[in-house]
Amino acid sequence: MHQRENILVITLVGILLFFTGCGSTSGLLSSSSEDSSGSTTDNVVGGNISSVTFSDSQSEISLSDIAENDSIILLLFTNSSSSSSSAFQVGSSSLNSYLLDDWEDNNEDENLTSSFHEILRNFEADLDESALLEENDDVNQSLLKYAAKGSEKSFKVLNSFSSSSSYDTVTATLRYQTANFNFYVDNRNSSDLDDSDLEELAEQFNDIIPAEQELFGEESDINSDGRFTVLFTQTVNELGAAAGGMVTGFFYAADLFDTSSYPISNEMEIFYTFVPDNSGDYGSAVSKSFAMTNIYPGVLPHEYQHMISFNQHYNINDSTVETSWLNEALSHLAEDIHSINSNTYMTTTGLENPARVRGYLTDISSTCFSCGSSLYQRGGSYLFIRYLYEQAELGNFSNLADGADLIGKLLDTSLTSKTNIINAVYGEEGSDDQFKDLIGLFGLAVYLSNTSMTSDNRFGFQGINLRATQDDNRGTILNGPAIQEISDFPFTDTITGSGIHYMQISGADIIKNGFKFDVTTSSASDFGGYVIQE
């Protein structure tokens, strides 16, 4: 039976307007020996990076060889079981342990799509599994359902943020067809995309379909026509405009359910995307040139992954759909598929991913990437999955043959969220502590990547330069993670969920404090850390 725990099976993508703690080691770092102070003394990367452990929620860090002109980076990370914030304090003082139980992500730059994701998930919580349509293998019936290029068809397109049953009826024409999918264009928008535009998009998308299927799996075929549909319609533009923003596309799993139970269903595999709107007639103005170069090449494989993910988790493995944050991370990873090489490895990022990563790095200390799917959280979850994917490809996980093996294990499973990642990376014997280890390793890689501090491929990114101007038609500049400068002890702050916090402390301040300082946390089991001496 399908499990139901208020899980949403609708997903969509919006364009971006533009010292491990107690527990097992990760398998990438050697284990550390602990001295009587509770801190570790061996080096894990080279001569300047050491792990920090906590005993009774406290660790004392001694740096007897530090000079006044030196500085260190204190990297703290957590693996809390919720999005609540865990408190910590750096410097000599007592800290009353506490949790901020009602913390919410208040990123000012959160885009409209993020809100729509949560709304759609709430809509999906009540879907009746008994109304899910089953694939029909009747060949004769299948042949009758093939549509001819130039034919018209009516579609029902969700048009509201507040109602799961409100829709526009759209008449569209089949403008381009491949062996894998049909491109329909809303008749109201026939001049917004010409045939050469659709041919360019279709052939580009069609070329990567086999690779995406090989990596992620295949979608269902409930109407037995051998294809899925992509509908280009201004209703998607207007949907975002009605709420004061922009939505670029979405997959709505209700389309796979019986119309007798869900009248909004189109009873077919379909996802929806916007149309170019240079003058802003339907909502936010988006030029056709930018849509063609930046948005469509990412949104098509992104939404296709959501369609595949639903089939793999819900239909094939008879489980709940993947949680929002990991589902979105995998869809953003699918945007990288345009760079796939002959070894089925995605070598670089999609054009829109660097801008999302920038948002995450800018606000990394207050962003829990596994707690939701806001703009910044997506940047973090994508970068985290990209890191695991690259490490698997490099052979640094003994349980994984390569990056494709990681993706396959994450999709073809009944597991979700952190448990899914732990099982994929470490196998059935994996533990929650190992997920915390992964966060710590990820944190090291985010800081060390594209620096001269290490050449170890375990601590850097291959497919994205985190300290460079990006070639993304936006001029996005990545400068590594945001770092908090600490000049006075004690310093108190919080970390959220699967969060990472980088703090810089000068050698002069450490010497004033007797060549040492302590770190006190609200939960020793949730915290880990590293000291990086620059």
Protein backbone atom coordinates (compact mmCIF):
# COMPACT_ATOMS: atom_id res chain seq x y z
CA MET A 1 0.00 0.00 0.00
CA HIS A 2 1.10 3.57 -0.62
CA GLN A 3 2.13 5.41 2.50
CA ARG A 4 0.43 8.75 3.01
CA GLU A 5 1.96 11.36 5.31
CA ASN A 6 0.75 14.63 3.81
CA ILE A 7 3.08 14.12 0.87
CA LEU A 8 2.73 16.26 -2.24
CA VAL A 9 3.29 14.67 -5.59
CA ILE A 10 3.10 17.86 -7.62
CA THR A 11 6.36 19.51 -8.49
CA LEU A 12 7.34 22.47 -10.58
CA VAL A 13 10.22 24.73 -11.42
CA GLY A 14 10.34 28.50 -11.51
CA ILE A 15 13.03 30.57 -13.11
CA LEU A 16 15.19 32.64 -10.82
CA LEU A 17 14.15 36.11 -11.74
CA PHE A 18 16.10 36.82 -13.02
CA PHE A 19 35.07 18.15 13.47
CA THR A 20 32.56 15.45 12.95
CA GLY A 21 30.74 14.69 16.18
CA CYS A 22 30.21 11.39 17.90
CA GLY A 23 29.55 8.62 15.43
CA SER A 24 31.15 6.89 12.51
CA THR A 25 33.48 8.55 10.06
CA SER A 26 32.41 9.34 6.53
CA GLY A 27 34.70 7.06 4.63
CA LEU A 28 36.35 10.06 2.97
CA LEU A 29 38.28 11.27 6.01
CA SER A 30 40.50 9.25 8.28
CA SER A 31 39.21 8.87 11.82
CA SER A 32 40.54 11.27 14.45
CA SER A 33 42.03 10.72 17.87
CA GLU A 34 40.61 12.78 20.69
CA ASP A 35 42.66 14.33 23.46
CA SER A 36 41.53 15.00 27.01
CA SER A 37 40.15 18.41 26.10
CA GLY A 38 37.61 16.95 23.72
CA SER A 39 39.25 18.32 20.58
CA THR A 40 41.06 16.33 17.94
CA THR A 41 44.73 16.82 17.23
CA ASP A 42 45.43 14.99 14.00
CA ASN A 43 45.10 16.62 10.59
CA VAL A 44 42.53 15.41 8.10
CA VAL A 45 43.49 17.19 4.88
CA GLY A 46 46.99 18.54 5.31
CA GLY A 47 48.97 20.41 7.88
CA ASN A 48 46.35 23.03 8.56
CA ILE A 49 42.91 21.44 8.89
CA SER A 50 41.74 19.50 11.93
CA SER A 51 38.39 18.13 13.04
CA VAL A 52 36.63 19.14 16.24
CA THR A 53 34.53 16.86 18.39
CA PHE A 54 32.32 17.70 21.32
CA SER A 55 32.16 16.15 24.77
CA ASP A 56 29.16 17.15 26.88
CA SER A 57 28.32 19.83 24.32
CA GLN A 58 31.70 21.51 24.62
CA SER A 59 35.10 21.45 22.96
CA GLU A 60 38.26 23.38 23.80
CA ILE A 61 40.43 24.27 20.83
CA SER A 62 44.13 24.90 21.54
CA LEU A 63 46.35 26.59 18.95
CA SER A 64 49.74 26.98 20.60
CA ASP A 65 51.58 27.64 17.35
CA ILE A 66 49.40 30.46 16.04
CA ALA A 67 50.92 33.88 15.29
CA GLU A 68 49.29 37.30 15.56
CA ASN A 69 49.09 37.71 11.79
CA ASP A 70 47.51 34.30 11.31
CA SER A 71 43.80 33.58 11.23
CA ILE A 72 41.61 30.52 11.39
CA ILE A 73 38.28 29.50 9.98
CA LEU A 74 35.99 27.75 12.43
CA LEU A 75 33.54 25.65 10.41
CA LEU A 76 30.55 24.39 12.38
CA PHE A 77 27.77 22.25 10.94
CA THR A 78 24.69 20.46 12.18
CA ASN A 79 22.34 17.66 11.29
CA SER A 80 19.29 18.53 13.32
CA SER A 81 16.20 16.38 12.92
CA SER A 82 14.12 19.46 12.11
CA SER A 83 14.40 23.00 10.78
CA SER A 84 14.76 24.34 14.30
CA SER A 85 17.90 26.34 15.04
CA SER A 86 20.59 24.98 17.35
CA ALA A 87 22.53 27.48 19.41
CA PHE A 88 26.28 27.65 19.88
CA GLN A 89 28.76 29.97 21.53
CA VAL A 90 32.42 30.61 20.78
CA GLY A 91 34.54 31.91 23.66
CA SER A 92 34.70 31.53 27.42
CA SER A 93 31.24 31.73 28.87
CA SER A 94 28.40 29.43 29.78
CA LEU A 95 25.58 28.84 27.34
CA ASN A 96 22.10 27.74 28.28
CA SER A 97 21.17 25.12 25.72
CA TYR A 98 18.08 26.00 23.74
CA LEU A 99 16.34 25.47 20.44
CA LEU A 100 14.44 28.04 18.46
CA ASP A 101 11.43 25.84 17.88
CA ASP A 102 9.54 28.04 15.48
CA TRP A 103 12.37 29.16 13.20
CA GLU A 104 11.31 29.92 9.66
CA ASP A 105 13.41 30.64 6.60
CA ASN A 106 12.94 34.36 5.96
CA ASN A 107 15.06 34.80 2.86
CA GLU A 108 14.01 38.08 1.27
CA ASP A 109 14.78 36.80 -2.22
CA GLU A 110 12.51 33.77 -2.10
CA ASN A 111 10.79 33.52 -5.45
CA LEU A 112 7.16 32.77 -6.22
CA THR A 113 7.77 29.25 -7.44
CA SER A 114 8.95 28.24 -3.98
CA SER A 115 5.62 29.23 -2.45
CA PHE A 116 3.73 27.50 -5.24
CA HIS A 117 5.62 24.28 -4.54
CA GLU A 118 4.33 24.17 -0.99
CA ILE A 119 0.78 25.02 -2.08
CA LEU A 120 0.79 22.25 -4.68
CA ARG A 121 2.13 19.81 -2.13
CA ASN A 122 -0.78 20.60 0.14
CA PHE A 123 -3.14 20.00 -2.78
CA GLU A 124 -1.58 16.59 -3.37
CA ALA A 125 -1.86 15.46 0.24
CA ASP A 126 -5.45 14.35 -0.35
CA LEU A 127 -5.03 12.49 -3.64
CA ASP A 128 -6.81 9.17 -3.58
CA GLU A 129 -4.42 6.42 -4.69
CA SER A 130 -7.34 4.27 -5.84
CA ALA A 131 -8.04 6.83 -8.58
CA LEU A 132 -4.55 6.53 -10.06
CA LEU A 133 -4.78 5.33 -13.64
CA GLU A 134 -2.92 2.18 -14.69
CA GLU A 135 -0.95 1.73 -17.86
CA ASN A 136 -2.83 0.02 -20.66
CA ASP A 137 -0.80 -2.20 -22.96
CA ASP A 138 -3.55 -2.59 -25.56
CA VAL A 139 -1.67 -1.82 -28.80
CA ASN A 140 -4.82 -1.09 -30.80
CA GLN A 141 -6.00 1.37 -28.18
CA SER A 142 -2.58 2.95 -28.15
CA LEU A 143 -2.57 3.47 -31.92
CA LEU A 144 -5.91 5.24 -31.74
CA LYS A 145 -4.46 7.73 -29.32
CA TYR A 146 -1.58 8.89 -31.49
CA ALA A 147 -2.06 12.52 -32.42
CA ALA A 148 -1.06 14.00 -35.77
CA LYS A 149 1.01 17.14 -36.12
CA GLY A 150 -1.29 20.10 -36.64
CA SER A 151 -4.19 18.56 -34.73
CA GLU A 152 -5.87 20.42 -31.87
CA LYS A 153 -6.59 19.24 -28.35
CA SER A 154 -8.15 20.75 -25.23
CA PHE A 155 -6.22 20.75 -21.96
CA LYS A 156 -7.09 21.69 -18.39
CA VAL A 157 -4.38 23.83 -16.79
CA LEU A 158 -4.27 24.71 -13.11
CA ASN A 159 -4.74 28.47 -12.77
CA SER A 160 -4.85 29.15 -9.05
CA PHE A 161 -2.58 29.16 -6.04
CA SER A 162 -5.52 28.65 -3.72
CA SER A 163 -7.55 25.90 -5.36
CA SER A 164 -6.50 22.46 -6.57
CA SER A 165 -9.58 22.22 -8.81
CA SER A 166 -9.54 25.60 -10.57
CA TYR A 167 -8.35 25.46 -14.15
CA ASP A 168 -8.41 27.10 -17.55
CA THR A 169 -9.52 25.11 -20.56
CA VAL A 170 -6.85 25.68 -23.19
CA THR A 171 -7.07 24.73 -26.85
CA ALA A 172 -3.63 23.95 -28.24
CA THR A 173 -2.12 22.68 -31.47
CA LEU A 174 0.43 19.89 -31.78
CA ARG A 175 3.30 21.82 -33.32
CA TYR A 176 6.19 19.37 -33.01
CA GLN A 177 6.46 15.65 -32.34
CA THR A 178 9.32 13.27 -31.61
CA ALA A 179 9.41 9.61 -30.66
CA ASN A 180 9.46 10.70 -27.00
CA PHE A 181 7.12 13.65 -26.63
CA ASN A 182 4.61 16.07 -28.16
CA PHE A 183 5.02 19.85 -28.09
CA TYR A 184 1.62 21.56 -27.92
CA VAL A 185 1.32 25.35 -28.07
CA ASP A 186 -1.68 27.27 -26.76
CA ASN A 187 -3.49 28.66 -29.80
CA ARG A 188 -3.48 32.08 -28.14
CA ASN A 189 0.31 31.96 -28.29
CA SER A 190 0.84 30.63 -31.79
CA SER A 191 3.04 33.60 -32.72
CA ASP A 192 5.10 33.58 -29.49
CA LEU A 193 7.05 30.52 -30.62
CA ASP A 194 7.64 29.84 -34.30
CA ASP A 195 8.31 26.43 -35.82
CA SER A 196 12.08 26.92 -35.90
CA ASP A 197 12.08 27.74 -32.17
CA LEU A 198 10.14 24.58 -31.37
CA GLU A 199 12.33 22.47 -33.62
CA GLU A 200 15.46 23.76 -31.89
CA LEU A 201 14.05 23.05 -28.42
CA ALA A 202 12.59 19.69 -29.39
CA GLU A 203 15.70 18.33 -31.03
CA GLN A 204 17.88 19.53 -28.17
CA PHE A 205 15.56 17.99 -25.57
CA ASN A 206 15.00 14.81 -27.56
CA ASP A 207 18.76 14.24 -27.77
CA ILE A 208 19.11 14.14 -23.98
CA ILE A 209 15.99 12.06 -23.23
CA PRO A 210 17.88 8.71 -23.49
CA ALA A 211 20.59 9.99 -21.15
CA GLU A 212 18.05 11.29 -18.62
CA GLN A 213 16.18 8.00 -18.75
CA GLU A 214 19.41 6.06 -18.28
CA LEU A 215 20.36 8.15 -15.25
CA PHE A 216 17.00 8.79 -13.60
CA GLY A 217 14.62 6.16 -14.96
CA GLU A 218 11.49 6.36 -17.10
CA GLU A 219 8.09 7.97 -16.76
CA SER A 220 4.79 6.09 -16.82
CA ASP A 221 2.53 5.83 -19.88
CA ILE A 222 -1.01 5.72 -18.54
CA ASN A 223 -2.65 6.67 -21.86
CA SER A 224 -0.50 4.20 -23.83
CA ASP A 225 0.51 6.65 -26.54
CA GLY A 226 4.24 6.13 -26.10
CA ARG A 227 4.87 9.83 -25.48
CA PHE A 228 4.55 12.53 -22.84
CA THR A 229 3.29 16.02 -23.57
CA VAL A 230 4.75 19.49 -23.00
CA LEU A 231 2.22 22.32 -23.19
CA PHE A 232 3.45 25.88 -23.78
CA THR A 233 0.74 28.22 -22.52
CA GLN A 234 0.27 31.74 -21.23
CA THR A 235 -1.83 30.30 -18.39
CA VAL A 236 1.48 29.47 -16.67
CA ASN A 237 2.61 33.09 -17.10
CA GLU A 238 -0.71 34.35 -15.76
CA LEU A 239 -0.61 31.95 -12.83
CA GLY A 240 2.54 33.60 -11.57
CA ALA A 241 1.40 37.11 -12.43
CA ALA A 242 -1.79 36.69 -10.38
CA ALA A 243 0.37 36.21 -7.30
CA GLY A 244 2.86 38.96 -8.16
CA GLY A 245 5.71 36.87 -9.57
CA MET A 246 6.62 34.29 -12.16
CA VAL A 247 6.31 30.54 -12.60
CA THR A 248 8.13 28.92 -15.51
CA GLY A 249 6.73 25.40 -15.38
CA PHE A 250 5.25 22.60 -13.32
CA PHE A 251 4.39 18.94 -13.27
CA TYR A 252 1.07 18.12 -11.61
CA ALA A 253 0.59 14.44 -10.75
CA ALA A 254 -3.20 14.79 -10.61
CA ASP A 255 -3.00 14.48 -14.42
CA LEU A 256 -2.30 10.78 -13.89
CA PHE A 257 -5.56 10.21 -12.00
CA ASP A 258 -9.08 9.40 -13.16
CA THR A 259 -11.19 12.41 -14.17
CA SER A 260 -14.18 10.96 -12.37
CA SER A 261 -12.29 11.63 -9.13
CA TYR A 262 -10.22 14.60 -10.28
CA PRO A 263 -11.95 16.59 -13.04
CA ILE A 264 -8.79 18.69 -13.52
CA SER A 265 -6.90 15.62 -14.75
CA ASN A 266 -5.84 15.38 -18.39
CA GLU A 267 -5.31 11.62 -17.94
CA MET A 268 -1.87 11.72 -19.49
CA GLU A 269 1.78 12.38 -18.76
CA ILE A 270 2.12 16.12 -19.20
CA PHE A 271 3.96 19.09 -17.80
CA TYR A 272 3.39 22.76 -18.46
CA THR A 273 5.66 25.69 -19.23
CA PHE A 274 5.38 29.39 -19.95
CA VAL A 275 5.62 31.24 -23.25
CA PRO A 276 8.05 34.06 -24.08
CA ASP A 277 6.52 37.45 -23.36
CA ASN A 278 8.80 40.27 -24.41
CA SER A 279 6.31 43.03 -23.60
CA GLY A 280 4.94 41.53 -20.38
CA ASP A 281 1.41 41.08 -21.72
CA TYR A 282 0.81 37.91 -19.64
CA GLY A 283 2.91 38.78 -16.58
CA SER A 284 6.65 39.18 -16.09
CA ALA A 285 8.43 40.18 -19.27
CA VAL A 286 10.76 37.47 -20.61
CA SER A 287 12.39 37.82 -24.00
CA LYS A 288 12.33 34.90 -26.39
CA SER A 289 16.10 34.96 -26.72
CA PHE A 290 16.60 34.58 -22.96
CA ALA A 291 13.89 31.93 -22.75
CA MET A 292 15.56 29.94 -25.50
CA THR A 293 19.12 30.20 -24.18
CA ASN A 294 18.62 30.02 -20.41
CA ILE A 295 15.18 28.92 -19.31
CA TYR A 296 13.81 26.24 -21.61
CA PRO A 297 17.04 24.16 -21.75
CA GLY A 298 16.80 23.78 -17.98
CA VAL A 299 13.06 23.70 -17.34
CA LEU A 300 12.40 20.80 -19.75
CA PRO A 301 14.77 18.22 -18.18
CA HIS A 302 13.92 19.62 -14.74
CA GLU A 303 10.20 18.94 -15.04
CA TYR A 304 10.85 15.65 -16.78
CA GLN A 305 12.80 14.49 -13.72
CA HIS A 306 9.79 15.26 -11.53
CA MET A 307 7.63 13.14 -13.83
CA ILE A 308 10.15 10.28 -13.68
CA SER A 309 10.55 10.60 -9.91
CA PHE A 310 6.82 10.27 -9.35
CA ASN A 311 6.71 7.09 -11.41
CA GLN A 312 9.78 5.57 -9.76
CA HIS A 313 8.76 6.27 -6.15
CA TYR A 314 4.97 6.17 -6.30
CA ASN A 315 4.18 3.63 -9.01
CA ILE A 316 7.13 1.28 -9.31
CA ASN A 317 8.22 1.22 -5.66
CA ASP A 318 4.73 1.68 -4.19
CA SER A 319 5.88 4.44 -1.85
CA THR A 320 5.46 8.13 -1.16
CA VAL A 321 7.00 10.59 -3.59
CA GLU A 322 10.41 12.03 -2.88
CA THR A 323 10.46 14.90 -0.38
CA SER A 324 10.47 18.37 -1.86
CA TRP A 325 14.05 19.38 -1.11
CA LEU A 326 15.65 16.25 -2.56
CA ASN A 327 13.20 16.07 -5.46
CA GLU A 328 14.10 19.66 -6.36
CA ALA A 329 17.82 19.01 -5.91
CA LEU A 330 17.64 16.11 -8.35
CA SER A 331 15.66 18.16 -10.85
CA HIS A 332 18.23 20.93 -10.69
CA LEU A 333 20.93 18.31 -11.15
CA ALA A 334 19.02 17.10 -14.23
CA GLU A 335 19.49 20.60 -15.69
CA ASP A 336 23.21 19.75 -15.92
CA ILE A 337 22.44 16.95 -18.36
CA HIS A 338 23.24 19.12 -21.36
CA SER A 339 26.92 18.67 -20.48
CA ILE A 340 26.78 14.88 -20.37
CA ASN A 341 29.79 13.15 -21.95
CA SER A 342 30.36 9.74 -23.50
CA ASN A 343 30.83 8.23 -20.05
CA THR A 344 27.34 9.36 -18.96
CA TYR A 345 28.78 12.01 -16.66
CA MET A 346 27.45 15.58 -16.44
CA THR A 347 30.63 17.63 -16.57
CA THR A 348 29.32 21.15 -15.85
CA THR A 349 26.28 22.96 -14.50
CA GLY A 350 23.17 24.08 -16.31
CA LEU A 351 22.99 27.80 -17.05
CA GLU A 352 20.55 28.67 -14.26
CA ASN A 353 22.19 26.69 -11.44
CA PRO A 354 25.09 29.09 -10.64
CA ALA A 355 22.66 31.90 -9.77
CA ARG A 356 20.88 29.61 -7.31
CA VAL A 357 24.20 28.55 -5.80
CA ARG A 358 25.18 32.19 -5.35
CA GLY A 359 22.08 32.82 -3.24
CA TYR A 360 22.93 29.86 -1.04
CA LEU A 361 26.59 30.79 -0.55
CA THR A 362 25.66 34.37 0.27
CA ASP A 363 23.34 33.28 3.08
CA ILE A 364 24.78 29.86 3.89
CA SER A 365 24.86 30.27 7.68
CA SER A 366 21.09 30.73 7.90
CA THR A 367 19.99 28.33 5.16
CA CYS A 368 18.94 24.77 5.91
CA PHE A 369 19.11 23.15 2.48
CA SER A 370 17.17 20.05 3.57
CA CYS A 371 14.30 21.94 5.22
CA GLY A 372 12.43 23.30 2.20
CA SER A 373 12.64 24.41 -1.41
CA SER A 374 13.05 28.19 -1.28
CA LEU A 375 15.36 29.92 -3.73
CA TYR A 376 18.44 29.72 -1.49
CA GLN A 377 17.61 26.25 -0.20
CA ARG A 378 17.45 24.96 -3.78
CA GLY A 379 20.91 26.38 -4.42
CA GLY A 380 22.21 24.51 -1.39
CA SER A 381 20.46 21.20 -2.00
CA TYR A 382 21.56 21.21 -5.64
CA LEU A 383 25.17 21.94 -4.67
CA PHE A 384 25.07 19.19 -2.02
CA ILE A 385 23.76 16.60 -4.48
CA ARG A 386 26.23 17.83 -7.10
CA TYR A 387 29.01 17.22 -4.54
CA LEU A 388 27.83 13.67 -3.79
CA TYR A 389 27.44 12.99 -7.52
CA GLU A 390 30.99 14.13 -8.23
CA GLN A 391 32.46 12.19 -5.30
CA ALA A 392 30.71 9.04 -6.50
CA GLU A 393 32.06 9.62 -9.99
CA LEU A 394 35.57 10.00 -8.56
CA GLY A 395 35.23 6.65 -6.77
CA ASN A 396 35.35 8.11 -3.28
CA PHE A 397 32.31 6.16 -2.01
CA SER A 398 32.92 2.43 -1.73
CA ASN A 399 29.21 1.66 -2.03
CA LEU A 400 28.87 3.44 -5.38
CA ALA A 401 30.36 2.62 -8.77
CA ASP A 402 29.97 6.15 -10.16
CA GLY A 403 27.68 9.17 -10.28
CA ALA A 404 25.08 7.36 -12.35
CA ASP A 405 24.92 4.66 -9.68
CA LEU A 406 24.15 7.31 -7.06
CA ILE A 407 21.29 8.80 -9.11
CA GLY A 408 19.88 5.37 -9.90
CA LYS A 409 19.83 4.41 -6.22
CA LEU A 410 18.16 7.71 -5.24
CA LEU A 411 15.36 7.27 -7.81
CA ASP A 412 14.63 3.54 -7.87
CA THR A 413 13.71 3.20 -4.20
CA SER A 414 10.92 3.44 -1.68
CA LEU A 415 13.12 5.56 0.59
CA THR A 416 13.03 9.35 0.72
CA SER A 417 14.93 12.35 2.06
CA LYS A 418 18.02 11.87 4.26
CA THR A 419 17.33 8.14 4.66
CA ASN A 420 17.43 7.78 0.89
CA ILE A 421 20.82 9.51 0.68
CA ILE A 422 22.30 7.50 3.54
CA ASN A 423 21.19 4.22 1.97
CA ALA A 424 22.45 5.22 -1.48
CA VAL A 425 25.89 6.33 -0.26
CA TYR A 426 26.51 3.83 2.55
CA GLY A 427 24.06 0.99 2.06
CA GLU A 428 21.54 -0.47 4.48
CA GLU A 429 23.96 -0.22 7.41
CA GLY A 430 24.34 3.55 7.00
CA SER A 431 23.51 5.82 9.93
CA ASP A 432 22.23 9.31 10.61
CA ASP A 433 25.68 10.23 11.95
CA GLN A 434 27.07 9.50 8.51
CA PHE A 435 24.68 12.03 6.99
CA LYS A 436 26.15 14.58 9.39
CA ASP A 437 29.61 13.53 8.22
CA LEU A 438 28.52 14.22 4.63
CA ILE A 439 27.41 17.72 5.60
CA GLY A 440 30.83 18.34 7.17
CA LEU A 441 32.68 17.08 4.10
CA PHE A 442 30.44 19.18 1.91
CA GLY A 443 31.21 22.19 4.09
CA LEU A 444 34.94 21.62 3.68
CA ALA A 445 34.59 21.29 -0.09
CA VAL A 446 32.55 24.50 -0.33
CA TYR A 447 35.29 26.41 1.51
CA LEU A 448 38.36 24.74 0.00
CA SER A 449 37.24 24.36 -3.60
CA ASN A 450 39.18 26.49 -6.08
CA THR A 451 41.71 27.57 -3.46
CA SER A 452 45.38 26.63 -3.15
CA MET A 453 44.88 24.98 0.23
CA THR A 454 44.47 21.44 -1.09
CA SER A 455 44.60 19.48 -4.32
CA ASP A 456 42.72 16.54 -2.81
CA ASN A 457 39.72 15.84 -5.05
CA ARG A 458 37.63 14.95 -2.00
CA PHE A 459 37.54 18.59 -1.00
CA GLY A 460 36.64 20.46 -4.14
CA PHE A 461 34.15 20.66 -6.99
CA GLN A 462 34.90 19.53 -10.52
CA GLY A 463 31.90 20.90 -12.43
CA ILE A 464 31.54 24.37 -10.92
CA ASN A 465 34.09 26.98 -9.87
CA LEU A 466 32.90 28.49 -6.59
CA ARG A 467 35.31 31.42 -6.84
CA ALA A 468 34.87 32.78 -10.35
CA THR A 469 32.58 34.62 -12.73
CA GLN A 470 30.17 32.12 -14.26
CA ASP A 471 29.52 31.67 -17.97
CA ASP A 472 25.74 31.73 -17.52
CA ASN A 473 24.59 34.72 -19.59
CA ARG A 474 24.03 36.55 -16.29
CA GLY A 475 27.56 37.41 -15.20
CA THR A 476 26.98 35.61 -11.90
CA ILE A 477 30.02 35.91 -9.62
CA LEU A 478 30.74 33.26 -6.98
CA ASN A 479 33.09 34.24 -4.15
CA GLY A 480 32.93 31.15 -1.98
CA PRO A 481 30.79 31.00 1.17
CA ALA A 482 29.92 33.97 3.35
CA ILE A 483 32.18 34.16 6.42
CA GLN A 484 31.36 35.73 9.79
CA GLU A 485 34.24 37.66 11.37
CA ILE A 486 34.52 37.22 15.14
CA SER A 487 36.45 39.88 17.01
CA ASP A 488 34.97 39.63 20.49
CA PHE A 489 34.42 36.65 22.76
CA PRO A 490 31.93 35.31 23.60
CA PHE A 491 30.16 35.10 20.23
CA THR A 492 26.72 33.49 20.18
CA ASP A 493 24.71 32.44 17.13
CA THR A 494 22.58 29.62 15.75
CA ILE A 495 22.71 27.07 12.91
CA THR A 496 19.60 25.78 11.22
CA GLY A 497 18.89 22.13 10.43
CA SER A 498 21.49 20.88 7.97
CA GLY A 499 23.33 24.16 8.21
CA ILE A 500 26.94 25.29 7.85
CA HIS A 501 28.54 28.29 9.54
CA TYR A 502 32.00 29.70 8.72
CA MET A 503 33.65 32.03 11.24
CA GLN A 504 37.01 33.78 10.93
CA ILE A 505 39.04 34.46 14.09
CA SER A 506 42.33 36.34 14.08
CA GLY A 507 45.50 34.94 15.61
CA ALA A 508 45.82 38.09 17.73
CA ASP A 509 42.40 37.48 19.33
CA ILE A 510 43.19 33.82 19.98
CA ILE A 511 46.52 34.77 21.61
CA LYS A 512 44.71 37.31 23.83
CA ASN A 513 42.49 34.44 24.93
CA GLY A 514 45.47 32.32 26.02
CA PHE A 515 46.05 30.54 22.67
CA LYS A 516 42.74 28.74 22.97
CA PHE A 517 38.98 29.13 22.93
CA ASP A 518 36.05 26.87 23.62
CA VAL A 519 32.93 26.10 21.63
CA THR A 520 29.75 25.31 23.51
CA THR A 521 26.71 23.90 21.73
CA SER A 522 23.10 23.26 22.56
CA SER A 523 23.35 19.66 21.33
CA ALA A 524 26.62 17.73 21.10
CA SER A 525 25.06 14.99 18.98
CA ASP A 526 23.90 17.44 16.32
CA PHE A 527 27.13 19.43 15.94
CA GLY A 528 30.44 18.84 14.21
CA GLY A 529 33.19 21.11 13.08
CA TYR A 530 36.61 21.79 11.60
CA VAL A 531 39.37 24.29 12.29
CA ILE A 532 41.14 25.57 9.18
CA GLN A 533 44.35 27.47 9.94
CA GLU A 534 45.04 29.86 7.08
